[in-house]
């Protein structure tokens, strides 16, 4: 196989990776705890986008607020794992599943 065919064959994977990157950049997930008294917003790229505390969350002691924050962050991270995968291998497998691998294998001549 020549370089031109290899480049063509990789195009579906590159497109799938671009789409996955865009989805992560555009996604915002909200983790909640205490009936919404604490909300943590994270991006698909795992950046913290914000924290919202209702006055009711601050009525207790610091330990309770820490527990609520931890639970809200855990909820947001759980949503992230469900959406994007738990491990790097799982995340990469999702990218490859979204690519048109049949077309790629055809361009490469399939496995022999």
N, C-alpha and C. Protein backbone atom coordinates (compact mmCIF):
# COMPACT_ATOMS: atom_id res chain seq x y z
N UNK A 1 0.85 -1.17 0.00
CA UNK A 1 0.00 0.00 0.00
C UNK A 1 0.89 1.24 0.00
N UNK A 2 0.51 2.22 -0.78
CA UNK A 2 1.30 3.44 -0.82
C UNK A 2 0.77 4.45 0.20
N UNK A 3 1.54 5.51 0.38
CA UNK A 3 1.21 6.52 1.38
C UNK A 3 -0.11 7.21 1.09
N UNK A 4 -0.43 7.45 -0.17
CA UNK A 4 -1.70 8.11 -0.52
C UNK A 4 -2.89 7.26 -0.08
N UNK A 5 -2.82 5.96 -0.32
CA UNK A 5 -3.92 5.08 0.11
C UNK A 5 -4.01 4.99 1.63
N UNK A 6 -2.86 4.98 2.30
CA UNK A 6 -2.87 4.95 3.76
C UNK A 6 -3.51 6.21 4.32
N UNK A 7 -3.18 7.35 3.73
CA UNK A 7 -3.77 8.62 4.17
C UNK A 7 -5.28 8.60 3.97
N UNK A 8 -5.74 8.10 2.83
CA UNK A 8 -7.19 7.98 2.57
C UNK A 8 -7.83 7.03 3.57
N UNK A 9 -7.14 5.93 3.85
CA UNK A 9 -7.69 4.93 4.75
C UNK A 9 -7.85 5.48 6.17
N UNK A 10 -6.98 6.38 6.57
CA UNK A 10 -7.03 6.94 7.92
C UNK A 10 -8.04 8.07 8.06
N UNK A 11 -8.56 8.58 6.96
CA UNK A 11 -9.48 9.72 7.01
C UNK A 11 -10.69 9.48 7.91
N UNK A 12 -11.34 8.30 7.86
CA UNK A 12 -12.49 8.09 8.75
C UNK A 12 -12.12 8.14 10.23
N UNK A 13 -10.95 7.62 10.57
CA UNK A 13 -10.50 7.65 11.95
C UNK A 13 -10.21 9.08 12.37
N UNK A 14 -9.54 9.84 11.52
CA UNK A 14 -9.24 11.23 11.83
C UNK A 14 -10.53 12.03 12.03
N UNK A 15 -11.52 11.79 11.18
CA UNK A 15 -12.81 12.49 11.30
C UNK A 15 -13.51 12.11 12.60
N UNK A 16 -13.48 10.83 12.95
CA UNK A 16 -14.11 10.38 14.20
C UNK A 16 -13.41 11.00 15.41
N UNK A 17 -12.09 11.12 15.35
CA UNK A 17 -11.35 11.73 16.45
C UNK A 17 -11.66 13.22 16.55
N UNK A 18 -11.81 13.89 15.41
CA UNK A 18 -12.16 15.31 15.42
C UNK A 18 -13.54 15.50 16.05
N UNK A 19 -14.50 14.65 15.66
CA UNK A 19 -15.85 14.75 16.21
C UNK A 19 -15.85 14.49 17.71
N UNK A 20 -15.08 13.49 18.15
CA UNK A 20 -15.01 13.18 19.58
C UNK A 20 -14.42 14.35 20.35
N UNK A 21 -13.40 14.98 19.80
CA UNK A 21 -12.78 16.13 20.45
C UNK A 21 -13.77 17.30 20.55
N UNK A 22 -14.50 17.54 19.47
CA UNK A 22 -15.49 18.62 19.47
C UNK A 22 -16.59 18.33 20.49
N UNK A 23 -17.04 17.08 20.55
CA UNK A 23 -18.08 16.72 21.51
C UNK A 23 -17.60 16.96 22.94
N UNK A 24 -16.38 16.58 23.23
CA UNK A 24 -15.84 16.79 24.58
C UNK A 24 -15.76 18.28 24.90
N UNK A 25 -15.34 19.08 23.94
CA UNK A 25 -15.23 20.52 24.16
C UNK A 25 -16.59 21.15 24.40
N UNK A 26 -17.60 20.69 23.68
CA UNK A 26 -18.94 21.29 23.75
C UNK A 26 -19.80 20.76 24.90
N UNK A 27 -19.45 19.63 25.46
CA UNK A 27 -20.28 18.98 26.48
C UNK A 27 -20.08 19.61 27.85
N UNK A 28 -21.18 19.84 28.54
CA UNK A 28 -21.14 20.26 29.95
C UNK A 28 -22.06 19.32 30.72
N UNK A 29 -21.52 18.72 31.77
CA UNK A 29 -22.26 17.78 32.61
C UNK A 29 -22.46 18.41 33.99
N UNK A 30 -23.63 18.20 34.57
CA UNK A 30 -23.93 18.74 35.90
C UNK A 30 -24.11 17.62 36.89
N UNK A 31 -23.27 17.64 37.92
CA UNK A 31 -23.43 16.72 39.03
C UNK A 31 -24.17 17.43 40.15
N UNK A 32 -25.08 16.71 40.79
CA UNK A 32 -25.92 17.32 41.83
C UNK A 32 -25.87 16.50 43.10
N UNK A 33 -26.05 17.20 44.21
CA UNK A 33 -26.14 16.54 45.51
C UNK A 33 -27.05 17.38 46.41
N UNK A 34 -27.59 16.74 47.42
CA UNK A 34 -28.46 17.45 48.36
C UNK A 34 -29.70 18.02 47.69
N UNK A 35 -30.27 17.26 46.76
CA UNK A 35 -31.46 17.73 46.07
C UNK A 35 -31.21 18.97 45.23
N UNK A 36 -29.99 19.12 44.75
CA UNK A 36 -29.64 20.28 43.92
C UNK A 36 -29.09 21.44 44.73
N UNK A 37 -28.87 21.23 46.02
CA UNK A 37 -28.30 22.29 46.85
C UNK A 37 -26.86 22.60 46.44
N UNK A 38 -26.18 21.58 45.91
CA UNK A 38 -24.83 21.76 45.39
C UNK A 38 -24.81 21.20 43.97
N UNK A 39 -24.34 22.01 43.03
CA UNK A 39 -24.24 21.60 41.63
C UNK A 39 -22.81 21.89 41.17
N UNK A 40 -22.17 20.88 40.59
CA UNK A 40 -20.84 21.04 40.01
C UNK A 40 -20.96 20.79 38.52
N UNK A 41 -20.46 21.73 37.73
CA UNK A 41 -20.49 21.60 36.27
C UNK A 41 -19.07 21.32 35.78
N UNK A 42 -18.94 20.24 34.98
CA UNK A 42 -17.65 19.92 34.38
C UNK A 42 -17.83 19.80 32.87
N UNK A 43 -16.76 20.10 32.16
CA UNK A 43 -16.77 19.94 30.72
C UNK A 43 -16.40 18.52 30.35
N UNK A 44 -16.68 18.17 29.11
CA UNK A 44 -16.30 16.86 28.61
C UNK A 44 -14.80 16.66 28.60
N UNK A 45 -14.06 17.77 28.63
CA UNK A 45 -12.60 17.71 28.71
C UNK A 45 -12.12 17.70 30.16
N UNK A 46 -13.05 17.51 31.10
CA UNK A 46 -12.80 17.42 32.54
C UNK A 46 -12.37 18.74 33.18
N UNK A 47 -12.64 19.85 32.54
CA UNK A 47 -12.41 21.14 33.19
C UNK A 47 -13.62 21.46 34.07
N UNK A 48 -13.37 22.06 35.22
CA UNK A 48 -14.47 22.49 36.09
C UNK A 48 -15.02 23.78 35.52
N UNK A 49 -16.31 23.77 35.19
CA UNK A 49 -16.94 24.93 34.56
C UNK A 49 -17.67 25.81 35.58
N UNK A 50 -17.96 25.26 36.75
CA UNK A 50 -18.63 26.08 37.74
C UNK A 50 -19.16 25.26 38.90
N UNK A 51 -19.46 25.97 39.98
CA UNK A 51 -20.05 25.38 41.18
C UNK A 51 -21.18 26.31 41.62
N UNK A 52 -22.33 25.73 41.95
CA UNK A 52 -23.43 26.53 42.47
C UNK A 52 -23.83 25.96 43.83
N UNK A 53 -23.92 26.85 44.81
CA UNK A 53 -24.33 26.46 46.16
C UNK A 53 -25.59 27.24 46.52
N UNK A 54 -26.64 26.53 46.86
CA UNK A 54 -27.83 27.20 47.38
C UNK A 54 -27.59 27.54 48.84
N UNK A 55 -28.22 28.59 49.35
CA UNK A 55 -28.02 28.96 50.76
C UNK A 55 -28.25 27.80 51.72
N UNK A 56 -29.18 26.92 51.40
CA UNK A 56 -29.45 25.78 52.29
C UNK A 56 -28.22 24.89 52.47
N UNK A 57 -27.37 24.82 51.46
CA UNK A 57 -26.17 23.97 51.55
C UNK A 57 -25.18 24.53 52.55
N UNK A 58 -25.26 25.82 52.82
CA UNK A 58 -24.29 26.45 53.72
C UNK A 58 -24.82 26.60 55.14
N UNK A 59 -25.98 26.01 55.44
CA UNK A 59 -26.56 26.10 56.77
C UNK A 59 -25.89 25.16 57.76
N UNK A 60 -25.34 24.07 57.26
CA UNK A 60 -24.72 23.09 58.14
C UNK A 60 -23.25 23.42 58.39
N UNK A 61 -22.54 22.44 58.89
CA UNK A 61 -21.11 22.65 59.15
C UNK A 61 -20.30 22.42 57.87
N UNK A 62 -19.04 22.71 57.95
CA UNK A 62 -18.16 22.60 56.78
C UNK A 62 -18.07 21.17 56.28
N UNK A 63 -18.09 20.20 57.18
CA UNK A 63 -17.99 18.80 56.77
C UNK A 63 -19.17 18.40 55.89
N UNK A 64 -20.37 18.87 56.23
CA UNK A 64 -21.54 18.55 55.42
C UNK A 64 -21.40 19.15 54.02
N UNK A 65 -20.94 20.39 53.94
CA UNK A 65 -20.75 21.04 52.65
C UNK A 65 -19.69 20.31 51.83
N UNK A 66 -18.61 19.90 52.47
CA UNK A 66 -17.58 19.13 51.78
C UNK A 66 -18.14 17.82 51.23
N UNK A 67 -18.97 17.15 52.03
CA UNK A 67 -19.58 15.89 51.58
C UNK A 67 -20.51 16.12 50.39
N UNK A 68 -21.29 17.20 50.43
CA UNK A 68 -22.19 17.51 49.32
C UNK A 68 -21.39 17.82 48.05
N UNK A 69 -20.32 18.59 48.20
CA UNK A 69 -19.48 18.93 47.05
C UNK A 69 -18.86 17.66 46.47
N UNK A 70 -18.34 16.79 47.33
CA UNK A 70 -17.74 15.54 46.88
C UNK A 70 -18.76 14.68 46.14
N UNK A 71 -19.97 14.61 46.67
CA UNK A 71 -21.02 13.81 46.02
C UNK A 71 -21.41 14.41 44.67
N UNK A 72 -21.52 15.73 44.58
CA UNK A 72 -21.88 16.38 43.32
C UNK A 72 -20.79 16.16 42.27
N UNK A 73 -19.53 16.29 42.67
CA UNK A 73 -18.43 16.06 41.74
C UNK A 73 -18.41 14.60 41.30
N UNK A 74 -18.64 13.69 42.24
CA UNK A 74 -18.70 12.27 41.89
C UNK A 74 -19.81 11.97 40.90
N UNK A 75 -20.95 12.63 41.05
CA UNK A 75 -22.07 12.45 40.12
C UNK A 75 -21.69 12.94 38.73
N UNK A 76 -21.03 14.09 38.65
CA UNK A 76 -20.61 14.61 37.34
C UNK A 76 -19.58 13.68 36.69
N UNK A 77 -18.65 13.17 37.46
CA UNK A 77 -17.64 12.26 36.90
C UNK A 77 -18.26 10.93 36.47
N UNK A 78 -19.26 10.45 37.20
CA UNK A 78 -19.97 9.23 36.79
C UNK A 78 -20.64 9.43 35.44
N UNK A 79 -21.28 10.59 35.27
CA UNK A 79 -21.92 10.90 33.99
C UNK A 79 -20.88 10.93 32.86
N UNK A 80 -19.71 11.49 33.17
CA UNK A 80 -18.64 11.56 32.17
C UNK A 80 -18.21 10.16 31.76
N UNK A 81 -18.00 9.27 32.73
CA UNK A 81 -17.59 7.90 32.42
C UNK A 81 -18.65 7.18 31.58
N UNK A 82 -19.92 7.39 31.91
CA UNK A 82 -21.00 6.76 31.14
C UNK A 82 -21.03 7.27 29.70
N UNK A 83 -20.76 8.54 29.53
CA UNK A 83 -20.86 9.13 28.19
C UNK A 83 -19.63 8.87 27.33
N UNK A 84 -18.44 8.97 27.93
CA UNK A 84 -17.21 8.91 27.15
C UNK A 84 -16.38 7.65 27.37
N UNK A 85 -16.70 6.86 28.37
CA UNK A 85 -15.93 5.66 28.66
C UNK A 85 -15.12 5.82 29.94
N UNK A 86 -14.85 4.69 30.58
CA UNK A 86 -14.17 4.70 31.87
C UNK A 86 -12.65 4.68 31.77
N UNK A 87 -12.14 4.06 30.71
CA UNK A 87 -10.69 3.92 30.57
C UNK A 87 -10.27 4.47 29.21
N UNK A 88 -8.99 4.78 29.05
CA UNK A 88 -8.52 5.22 27.73
C UNK A 88 -8.83 4.21 26.62
N UNK A 89 -8.71 2.91 26.93
CA UNK A 89 -9.01 1.89 25.92
C UNK A 89 -10.48 1.95 25.50
N UNK A 90 -11.36 2.10 26.48
CA UNK A 90 -12.79 2.18 26.18
C UNK A 90 -13.11 3.45 25.39
N UNK A 91 -12.46 4.54 25.74
CA UNK A 91 -12.69 5.80 25.02
C UNK A 91 -12.23 5.68 23.57
N UNK A 92 -11.08 5.07 23.35
CA UNK A 92 -10.57 4.90 21.99
C UNK A 92 -11.45 3.94 21.19
N UNK A 93 -11.93 2.89 21.84
CA UNK A 93 -12.82 1.95 21.16
C UNK A 93 -14.09 2.65 20.69
N UNK A 94 -14.60 3.59 21.49
CA UNK A 94 -15.79 4.34 21.08
C UNK A 94 -15.50 5.19 19.85
N UNK A 95 -14.32 5.77 19.78
CA UNK A 95 -13.95 6.57 18.61
C UNK A 95 -13.90 5.67 17.37
N UNK A 96 -13.26 4.52 17.49
CA UNK A 96 -13.15 3.61 16.35
C UNK A 96 -14.51 3.07 15.92
N UNK A 97 -15.41 2.82 16.88
CA UNK A 97 -16.75 2.35 16.52
C UNK A 97 -17.51 3.40 15.74
N UNK A 98 -17.25 4.67 16.01
CA UNK A 98 -17.97 5.73 15.31
C UNK A 98 -17.39 6.00 13.92
N UNK A 99 -16.18 5.51 13.65
CA UNK A 99 -15.56 5.68 12.33
C UNK A 99 -16.09 4.61 11.38
N UNK A 100 -16.06 4.90 10.09
CA UNK A 100 -16.48 3.93 9.08
C UNK A 100 -15.29 3.02 8.79
N UNK A 101 -15.10 2.04 9.65
CA UNK A 101 -13.94 1.16 9.54
C UNK A 101 -14.03 0.24 8.33
N UNK A 102 -15.24 -0.06 7.86
CA UNK A 102 -15.39 -0.91 6.68
C UNK A 102 -14.77 -0.25 5.46
N UNK A 103 -15.04 1.04 5.30
CA UNK A 103 -14.45 1.77 4.18
C UNK A 103 -12.93 1.82 4.32
N UNK A 104 -12.48 2.02 5.54
CA UNK A 104 -11.03 2.08 5.77
C UNK A 104 -10.38 0.75 5.42
N UNK A 105 -10.98 -0.36 5.86
CA UNK A 105 -10.39 -1.67 5.58
C UNK A 105 -10.42 -1.96 4.08
N UNK A 106 -11.47 -1.53 3.39
CA UNK A 106 -11.55 -1.72 1.95
C UNK A 106 -10.44 -0.99 1.22
N UNK A 107 -10.15 0.23 1.65
CA UNK A 107 -9.08 1.01 1.01
C UNK A 107 -7.72 0.38 1.26
N UNK A 108 -7.60 -0.26 2.42
CA UNK A 108 -6.32 -0.87 2.75
C UNK A 108 -6.19 -2.26 2.15
N UNK A 109 -7.23 -2.76 1.52
CA UNK A 109 -7.18 -4.09 0.94
C UNK A 109 -7.54 -5.19 1.92
N UNK A 110 -8.03 -4.81 3.09
CA UNK A 110 -8.42 -5.79 4.10
C UNK A 110 -7.20 -6.47 4.69
N UNK A 111 -7.43 -7.34 5.66
CA UNK A 111 -6.34 -8.11 6.26
C UNK A 111 -6.13 -9.37 5.45
N UNK A 112 -4.90 -9.77 5.31
CA UNK A 112 -4.56 -11.00 4.57
C UNK A 112 -3.80 -11.92 5.47
